[in-house]
Structures are given as structure tokens and as C-alpha cells.
Amino acid sequence: MEKLAVSSLRIGNVISDIAREMGTGYTKSCGTFHLEIPESYGRGLISGTDFDSGISIIQYDCTFARDITFEYSVDKVHPVKFLFSLEGQISHSFIDERVWHQIPKYENAIVASSAHNGHRIRFSSGKRVVYLSIELDRGKFQAKVGCQPRTMAIPLRELLNDLTATKRFYRDGLYSPELSMAMEEWGRYPKGD
């Protein structure tokens, strides 16, 4: 199992870290970063965008030649991640625990690490995986929103208010066929435009 270290939070820097670990480059077009997986690692594309509101989106569409684990570790509060598996299966684990959670196709997970602990995402060799991570910087998001939505479920409200990441959070489940179709359509846009 090969491990690739990612020590950044902003998507542009995440892509840069992955490119460095893989010994390749990346491009930026219209605010979106693109990294083509080098042949020595497999094939596919990792692309992502940071938005001023504290929301970032990164999509992995990859088939790796060997088992790969991305280790996201930086001494800061990590964003809340909304993980969606569109094709294949990923495995998620918090850096400070040994339990791995499987996220198969059409399932999602909301994850937030505690303190400054990070995350691991594992990809199995030879299997195409398409997964989308919508990432939310709680501090920036709260500064933009400026109020507490009363209709939000209490666990999610508490998660978004946990600006110092005092608690770990993991919830998984299925997402609707309508959301699946919308995300699949989003993923079909030409890359790099």
C-alpha cells in the first residue's frame, strides 16, 4: 500500500501536494486545478476549486495501478467533508483511529476530524473510482452566513458550530437518485474549460 502525504487544506495546495508526491505537474484554468494521474500511478484526473465562502470541491476520477492511501494531515482544524461515491468504492479513516469506513457507489458520508487530526482515503488498485468531496471551512462559512438556521438538524448545527473541532463526526448513508443524476451530469462537463 503506497501512502501519499497531503499537508494542505486549500484545494489548490492539495492538488500541488498530490502532484509533488506523484512527481508530476498540474494546471489551473478558470480557478479550477487539474492533475492528470501519471501512468506510473494509473490513469484519471483530480480536479478541484476553492470558493471564497469557505466551500471547496474536489473530484477524483481515477483508476490506480496499485493500492493508494491519501493521508490528509496538517496541524490545523480540517474542514467538514461531504463525501459522495459516484462510481466504485472508497474507504475513509481518521488519522487517529484504525477503523476504516467503506463508502460504496451511491453512498455518502459527512466527516469531520477532531482537533488537528486528519483523514485517510484509500483507493483499491485496478478499480475506477469517482468520488466528490465538498469541503466546508466552518469558520469562513459561519462568517459568511452570520446566523444560525433554526431548521437545521441539531447534530449538523453542532458540527458547523464546532469551530475548534472538539468532536469527531462521522455519518453515512444513501443519497437520492436525483442527486446522483445531478452529480453525474456535473462530472460530464469537459475538463479544463
C-alpha atoms as a PDB file:
ATOM      1  CA  MET A   1       0.000   0.000   0.000  1.00  0.00           C
ATOM      2  CA  GLU A   2       1.514   3.304  -1.068  1.00  0.00           C
ATOM      3  CA  LYS A   3       0.845   6.396   1.027  1.00  0.00           C
ATOM      4  CA  LEU A   4       0.738   9.910  -0.392  1.00  0.00           C
ATOM      5  CA  ALA A   5       1.050  12.787   2.096  1.00  0.00           C
ATOM      6  CA  VAL A   6      -1.172  15.847   1.721  1.00  0.00           C
ATOM      7  CA  SER A   7      -0.322  18.628   4.175  1.00  0.00           C
ATOM      8  CA  SER A   8      -2.638  21.391   2.945  1.00  0.00           C
ATOM      9  CA  LEU A   9      -6.285  22.375   3.268  1.00  0.00           C
ATOM     10  CA  ARG A  10      -6.943  24.718   0.328  1.00  0.00           C
ATOM     11  CA  ILE A  11      -7.695  22.707  -2.821  1.00  0.00           C
ATOM     12  CA  GLY A  12      -5.013  24.365  -4.958  1.00  0.00           C
ATOM     13  CA  ASN A  13      -2.408  23.387  -2.372  1.00  0.00           C
ATOM     14  CA  VAL A  14      -3.917  19.893  -2.002  1.00  0.00           C
ATOM     15  CA  ILE A  15      -3.532  19.358  -5.769  1.00  0.00           C
ATOM     16  CA  SER A  16       0.034  20.733  -5.563  1.00  0.00           C
ATOM     17  CA  ASP A  17       0.865  18.308  -2.721  1.00  0.00           C
ATOM     18  CA  ILE A  18      -0.528  15.340  -4.670  1.00  0.00           C
ATOM     19  CA  ALA A  19       1.382  16.390  -7.803  1.00  0.00           C
ATOM     20  CA  ARG A  20       4.607  16.625  -5.777  1.00  0.00           C
ATOM     21  CA  GLU A  21       4.019  13.169  -4.242  1.00  0.00           C
ATOM     22  CA  MET A  22       3.388  11.685  -7.700  1.00  0.00           C
ATOM     23  CA  GLY A  23       6.298  13.511  -9.323  1.00  0.00           C
ATOM     24  CA  THR A  24       4.126  15.326 -11.841  1.00  0.00           C
ATOM     25  CA  GLY A  25       2.658  18.746 -12.532  1.00  0.00           C
ATOM     26  CA  TYR A  26      -0.812  20.246 -12.583  1.00  0.00           C
ATOM     27  CA  THR A  27      -2.645  23.034 -14.371  1.00  0.00           C
ATOM     28  CA  LYS A  28      -5.033  25.787 -13.392  1.00  0.00           C
ATOM     29  CA  SER A  29      -7.790  27.076 -15.653  1.00  0.00           C
ATOM     30  CA  CYS A  30     -10.616  29.464 -14.688  1.00  0.00           C
ATOM     31  CA  GLY A  31      -9.946  28.927 -10.980  1.00  0.00           C
ATOM     32  CA  THR A  32     -10.014  25.118 -11.221  1.00  0.00           C
ATOM     33  CA  PHE A  33      -6.934  22.995 -10.595  1.00  0.00           C
ATOM     34  CA  HIS A  34      -6.381  19.827 -12.682  1.00  0.00           C
ATOM     35  CA  LEU A  35      -3.966  16.971 -12.124  1.00  0.00           C
ATOM     36  CA  GLU A  36      -3.735  14.129 -14.623  1.00  0.00           C
ATOM     37  CA  ILE A  37      -2.670  10.916 -12.927  1.00  0.00           C
ATOM     38  CA  PRO A  38       0.733   9.872 -14.328  1.00  0.00           C
ATOM     39  CA  GLU A  39       0.900   6.447 -15.997  1.00  0.00           C
ATOM     40  CA  SER A  40       3.196   5.153 -13.265  1.00  0.00           C
ATOM     41  CA  TYR A  41       0.259   5.575 -10.833  1.00  0.00           C
ATOM     42  CA  GLY A  42      -2.605   4.605 -13.170  1.00  0.00           C
ATOM     43  CA  ARG A  43      -4.928   6.926 -15.041  1.00  0.00           C
ATOM     44  CA  GLY A  44      -7.526   9.581 -14.383  1.00  0.00           C
ATOM     45  CA  LEU A  45      -7.978  13.147 -13.231  1.00  0.00           C
ATOM     46  CA  ILE A  46      -8.180  15.002  -9.930  1.00  0.00           C
ATOM     47  CA  SER A  47      -9.721  18.457 -10.172  1.00  0.00           C
ATOM     48  CA  GLY A  48     -10.924  20.998  -7.680  1.00  0.00           C
ATOM     49  CA  THR A  49     -11.923  24.565  -6.904  1.00  0.00           C
ATOM     50  CA  ASP A  50     -11.836  26.799  -3.827  1.00  0.00           C
ATOM     51  CA  PHE A  51     -14.621  29.344  -3.304  1.00  0.00           C
ATOM     52  CA  ASP A  52     -14.392  32.485  -1.130  1.00  0.00           C
ATOM     53  CA  SER A  53     -17.317  31.350   1.018  1.00  0.00           C
ATOM     54  CA  GLY A  54     -15.234  28.625   2.672  1.00  0.00           C
ATOM     55  CA  ILE A  55     -16.567  25.902   0.374  1.00  0.00           C
ATOM     56  CA  SER A  56     -14.264  23.811  -1.816  1.00  0.00           C
ATOM     57  CA  ILE A  57     -14.989  20.983  -4.224  1.00  0.00           C
ATOM     58  CA  ILE A  58     -12.569  18.292  -5.308  1.00  0.00           C
ATOM     59  CA  GLN A  59     -13.377  15.370  -7.607  1.00  0.00           C
ATOM     60  CA  TYR A  60     -11.318  12.237  -8.071  1.00  0.00           C
ATOM     61  CA  ASP A  61     -11.927  10.168 -11.229  1.00  0.00           C
ATOM     62  CA  CYS A  62      -9.130   7.623 -11.046  1.00  0.00           C
ATOM     63  CA  THR A  63      -8.055   4.059 -11.620  1.00  0.00           C
ATOM     64  CA  PHE A  64      -4.849   3.424  -9.715  1.00  0.00           C
ATOM     65  CA  ALA A  65      -2.284   0.786 -10.712  1.00  0.00           C
ATOM     66  CA  ARG A  66      -1.732  -0.139  -7.049  1.00  0.00           C
ATOM     67  CA  ASP A  67      -3.456   0.387  -3.715  1.00  0.00           C
ATOM     68  CA  ILE A  68      -3.072   4.052  -2.715  1.00  0.00           C
ATOM     69  CA  THR A  69      -3.858   5.847   0.538  1.00  0.00           C
ATOM     70  CA  PHE A  70      -4.014   9.636   0.621  1.00  0.00           C
ATOM     71  CA  GLU A  71      -3.151  10.924   4.103  1.00  0.00           C
ATOM     72  CA  TYR A  72      -4.528  14.418   4.725  1.00  0.00           C
ATOM     73  CA  SER A  73      -2.599  15.674   7.740  1.00  0.00           C
ATOM     74  CA  VAL A  74      -1.962  19.294   8.678  1.00  0.00           C
ATOM     75  CA  ASP A  75      -1.745  20.944  12.087  1.00  0.00           C
ATOM     76  CA  LYS A  76      -4.970  22.944  11.670  1.00  0.00           C
ATOM     77  CA  VAL A  77      -8.694  22.331  12.021  1.00  0.00           C
ATOM     78  CA  HIS A  78      -9.740  20.310   8.973  1.00  0.00           C
ATOM     79  CA  PRO A  79     -12.878  21.192   7.029  1.00  0.00           C
ATOM     80  CA  VAL A  80     -16.106  19.256   7.295  1.00  0.00           C
ATOM     81  CA  LYS A  81     -16.145  16.906   4.301  1.00  0.00           C
ATOM     82  CA  PHE A  82     -19.249  15.732   2.468  1.00  0.00           C
ATOM     83  CA  LEU A  83     -18.024  12.650   0.566  1.00  0.00           C
ATOM     84  CA  PHE A  84     -20.064  11.211  -2.309  1.00  0.00           C
ATOM     85  CA  SER A  85     -19.133   7.994  -4.114  1.00  0.00           C
ATOM     86  CA  LEU A  86     -20.360   8.187  -7.716  1.00  0.00           C
ATOM     87  CA  GLU A  87     -18.528   5.109  -9.020  1.00  0.00           C
ATOM     88  CA  GLY A  88     -16.620   2.370  -7.228  1.00  0.00           C
ATOM     89  CA  GLN A  89     -15.821   2.440  -3.534  1.00  0.00           C
ATOM     90  CA  ILE A  90     -13.518   4.451  -1.302  1.00  0.00           C
ATOM     91  CA  SER A  91     -12.510   3.774   2.270  1.00  0.00           C
ATOM     92  CA  HIS A  92     -12.248   6.525   4.879  1.00  0.00           C
ATOM     93  CA  SER A  93     -10.453   6.564   8.212  1.00  0.00           C
ATOM     94  CA  PHE A  94      -9.497   9.233  10.691  1.00  0.00           C
ATOM     95  CA  ILE A  95      -5.711   9.529  11.159  1.00  0.00           C
ATOM     96  CA  ASP A  96      -6.028   8.876  14.898  1.00  0.00           C
ATOM     97  CA  GLU A  97      -8.007   5.625  14.609  1.00  0.00           C
ATOM     98  CA  ARG A  98      -7.713   2.237  12.920  1.00  0.00           C
ATOM     99  CA  VAL A  99     -11.351   1.794  11.858  1.00  0.00           C
ATOM    100  CA  TRP A 100     -11.994   2.072   8.114  1.00  0.00           C
ATOM    101  CA  HIS A 101     -15.438   3.050   6.811  1.00  0.00           C
ATOM    102  CA  GLN A 102     -16.472   1.809   3.361  1.00  0.00           C
ATOM    103  CA  ILE A 103     -18.294   4.286   1.114  1.00  0.00           C
ATOM    104  CA  PRO A 104     -19.621   2.367  -1.913  1.00  0.00           C
ATOM    105  CA  LYS A 105     -21.306   3.746  -5.016  1.00  0.00           C
ATOM    106  CA  TYR A 106     -24.396   5.891  -4.295  1.00  0.00           C
ATOM    107  CA  GLU A 107     -23.460   6.340  -0.667  1.00  0.00           C
ATOM    108  CA  ASN A 108     -22.138   9.390   1.117  1.00  0.00           C
ATOM    109  CA  ALA A 109     -20.558  10.347   4.404  1.00  0.00           C
ATOM    110  CA  ILE A 110     -20.215  13.554   6.373  1.00  0.00           C
ATOM    111  CA  VAL A 111     -16.876  13.504   8.185  1.00  0.00           C
ATOM    112  CA  ALA A 112     -15.036  15.888  10.494  1.00  0.00           C
ATOM    113  CA  SER A 113     -11.897  15.020  12.391  1.00  0.00           C
ATOM    114  CA  SER A 114     -11.277  16.122  15.962  1.00  0.00           C
ATOM    115  CA  ALA A 115      -8.612  18.647  16.987  1.00  0.00           C
ATOM    116  CA  HIS A 116      -5.929  18.807  14.291  1.00  0.00           C
ATOM    117  CA  ASN A 117      -6.198  15.134  13.333  1.00  0.00           C
ATOM    118  CA  GLY A 118      -6.706  14.433   9.667  1.00  0.00           C
ATOM    119  CA  HIS A 119      -8.197  11.855   7.336  1.00  0.00           C
ATOM    120  CA  ARG A 120      -7.153   8.960   5.140  1.00  0.00           C
ATOM    121  CA  ILE A 121      -8.823   7.959   1.877  1.00  0.00           C
ATOM    122  CA  ARG A 122      -7.935   4.567   0.408  1.00  0.00           C
ATOM    123  CA  PHE A 123      -8.294   3.551  -3.236  1.00  0.00           C
ATOM    124  CA  SER A 124      -8.013  -0.100  -4.338  1.00  0.00           C
ATOM    125  CA  SER A 125      -5.889  -0.930  -7.374  1.00  0.00           C
ATOM    126  CA  GLY A 126      -7.436  -1.582 -10.769  1.00  0.00           C
ATOM    127  CA  LYS A 127     -10.885  -0.230  -9.866  1.00  0.00           C
ATOM    128  CA  ARG A 128     -12.283   3.008 -11.251  1.00  0.00           C
ATOM    129  CA  VAL A 129     -13.403   5.360  -8.522  1.00  0.00           C
ATOM    130  CA  VAL A 130     -15.256   8.610  -8.971  1.00  0.00           C
ATOM    131  CA  TYR A 131     -15.795  10.470  -5.754  1.00  0.00           C
ATOM    132  CA  LEU A 132     -16.667  14.032  -4.918  1.00  0.00           C
ATOM    133  CA  SER A 133     -15.668  15.830  -1.737  1.00  0.00           C
ATOM    134  CA  ILE A 134     -17.467  19.059  -0.859  1.00  0.00           C
ATOM    135  CA  GLU A 135     -15.416  20.660   1.889  1.00  0.00           C
ATOM    136  CA  LEU A 136     -16.593  23.332   4.292  1.00  0.00           C
ATOM    137  CA  ASP A 137     -14.321  25.605   6.330  1.00  0.00           C
ATOM    138  CA  ARG A 138     -16.541  26.128   9.375  1.00  0.00           C
ATOM    139  CA  GLY A 139     -15.032  29.486  10.388  1.00  0.00           C
ATOM    140  CA  LYS A 140     -15.274  31.080   6.925  1.00  0.00           C
ATOM    141  CA  PHE A 141     -18.737  29.635   6.392  1.00  0.00           C
ATOM    142  CA  GLN A 142     -20.053  30.988   9.693  1.00  0.00           C
ATOM    143  CA  ALA A 143     -18.574  34.416   8.982  1.00  0.00           C
ATOM    144  CA  LYS A 144     -20.429  34.497   5.627  1.00  0.00           C
ATOM    145  CA  VAL A 145     -23.752  33.146   6.933  1.00  0.00           C
ATOM    146  CA  GLY A 146     -23.832  35.259  10.082  1.00  0.00           C
ATOM    147  CA  CYS A 147     -26.760  33.446  11.742  1.00  0.00           C
ATOM    148  CA  GLN A 148     -27.920  30.030  12.926  1.00  0.00           C
ATOM    149  CA  PRO A 149     -30.522  28.294  10.758  1.00  0.00           C
ATOM    150  CA  ARG A 150     -33.208  27.111  13.201  1.00  0.00           C
ATOM    151  CA  THR A 151     -34.476  24.336  10.935  1.00  0.00           C
ATOM    152  CA  MET A 152     -31.091  22.606  10.638  1.00  0.00           C
ATOM    153  CA  ALA A 153     -30.815  19.239  12.417  1.00  0.00           C
ATOM    154  CA  ILE A 154     -29.116  19.618  15.808  1.00  0.00           C
ATOM    155  CA  PRO A 155     -26.140  17.290  15.088  1.00  0.00           C
ATOM    156  CA  LEU A 156     -25.329  19.199  11.880  1.00  0.00           C
ATOM    157  CA  ARG A 157     -25.794  22.567  13.591  1.00  0.00           C
ATOM    158  CA  GLU A 158     -23.458  21.472  16.402  1.00  0.00           C
ATOM    159  CA  LEU A 159     -20.908  20.247  13.842  1.00  0.00           C
ATOM    160  CA  LEU A 160     -20.898  23.566  11.978  1.00  0.00           C
ATOM    161  CA  ASN A 161     -20.593  25.471  15.277  1.00  0.00           C
ATOM    162  CA  ASP A 162     -17.617  23.349  16.407  1.00  0.00           C
ATOM    163  CA  LEU A 163     -15.026  25.831  15.104  1.00  0.00           C
ATOM    164  CA  THR A 164     -12.158  24.265  17.074  1.00  0.00           C
ATOM    165  CA  ALA A 165     -13.051  20.657  16.157  1.00  0.00           C
ATOM    166  CA  THR A 166     -13.572  19.412  19.699  1.00  0.00           C
ATOM    167  CA  LYS A 167     -15.504  16.358  18.473  1.00  0.00           C
ATOM    168  CA  ARG A 168     -15.019  13.820  15.713  1.00  0.00           C
ATOM    169  CA  PHE A 169     -18.058  13.353  13.454  1.00  0.00           C
ATOM    170  CA  TYR A 170     -18.981  10.545  11.052  1.00  0.00           C
ATOM    171  CA  ARG A 171     -22.382   9.889   9.476  1.00  0.00           C
ATOM    172  CA  ASP A 172     -23.012   7.851   6.363  1.00  0.00           C
ATOM    173  CA  GLY A 173     -25.982   6.918   4.256  1.00  0.00           C
ATOM    174  CA  LEU A 174     -27.511   6.777   0.806  1.00  0.00           C
ATOM    175  CA  TYR A 175     -28.242   9.742  -1.388  1.00  0.00           C
ATOM    176  CA  SER A 176     -31.205  10.158  -3.717  1.00  0.00           C
ATOM    177  CA  PRO A 177     -31.291   9.047  -7.367  1.00  0.00           C
ATOM    178  CA  GLU A 178     -31.990  12.683  -8.321  1.00  0.00           C
ATOM    179  CA  LEU A 179     -28.821  13.869  -6.573  1.00  0.00           C
ATOM    180  CA  SER A 180     -26.892  11.025  -8.199  1.00  0.00           C
ATOM    181  CA  MET A 181     -28.024  12.128 -11.668  1.00  0.00           C
ATOM    182  CA  ALA A 182     -27.160  15.772 -10.933  1.00  0.00           C
ATOM    183  CA  MET A 183     -23.648  14.855  -9.761  1.00  0.00           C
ATOM    184  CA  GLU A 184     -23.088  12.553 -12.726  1.00  0.00           C
ATOM    185  CA  GLU A 185     -24.133  15.380 -15.071  1.00  0.00           C
ATOM    186  CA  TRP A 186     -21.791  17.770 -13.261  1.00  0.00           C
ATOM    187  CA  GLY A 187     -18.937  15.303 -13.753  1.00  0.00           C
ATOM    188  CA  ARG A 188     -19.514  15.130 -17.529  1.00  0.00           C
ATOM    189  CA  TYR A 189     -18.530  18.735 -18.205  1.00  0.00           C
ATOM    190  CA  PRO A 190     -15.368  18.988 -20.291  1.00  0.00           C
ATOM    191  CA  LYS A 191     -12.278  19.168 -18.105  1.00  0.00           C
ATOM    192  CA  GLY A 192     -10.150  22.303 -18.256  1.00  0.00           C
ATOM    193  CA  ASP A 193     -12.754  24.621 -19.786  1.00  0.00           C
END
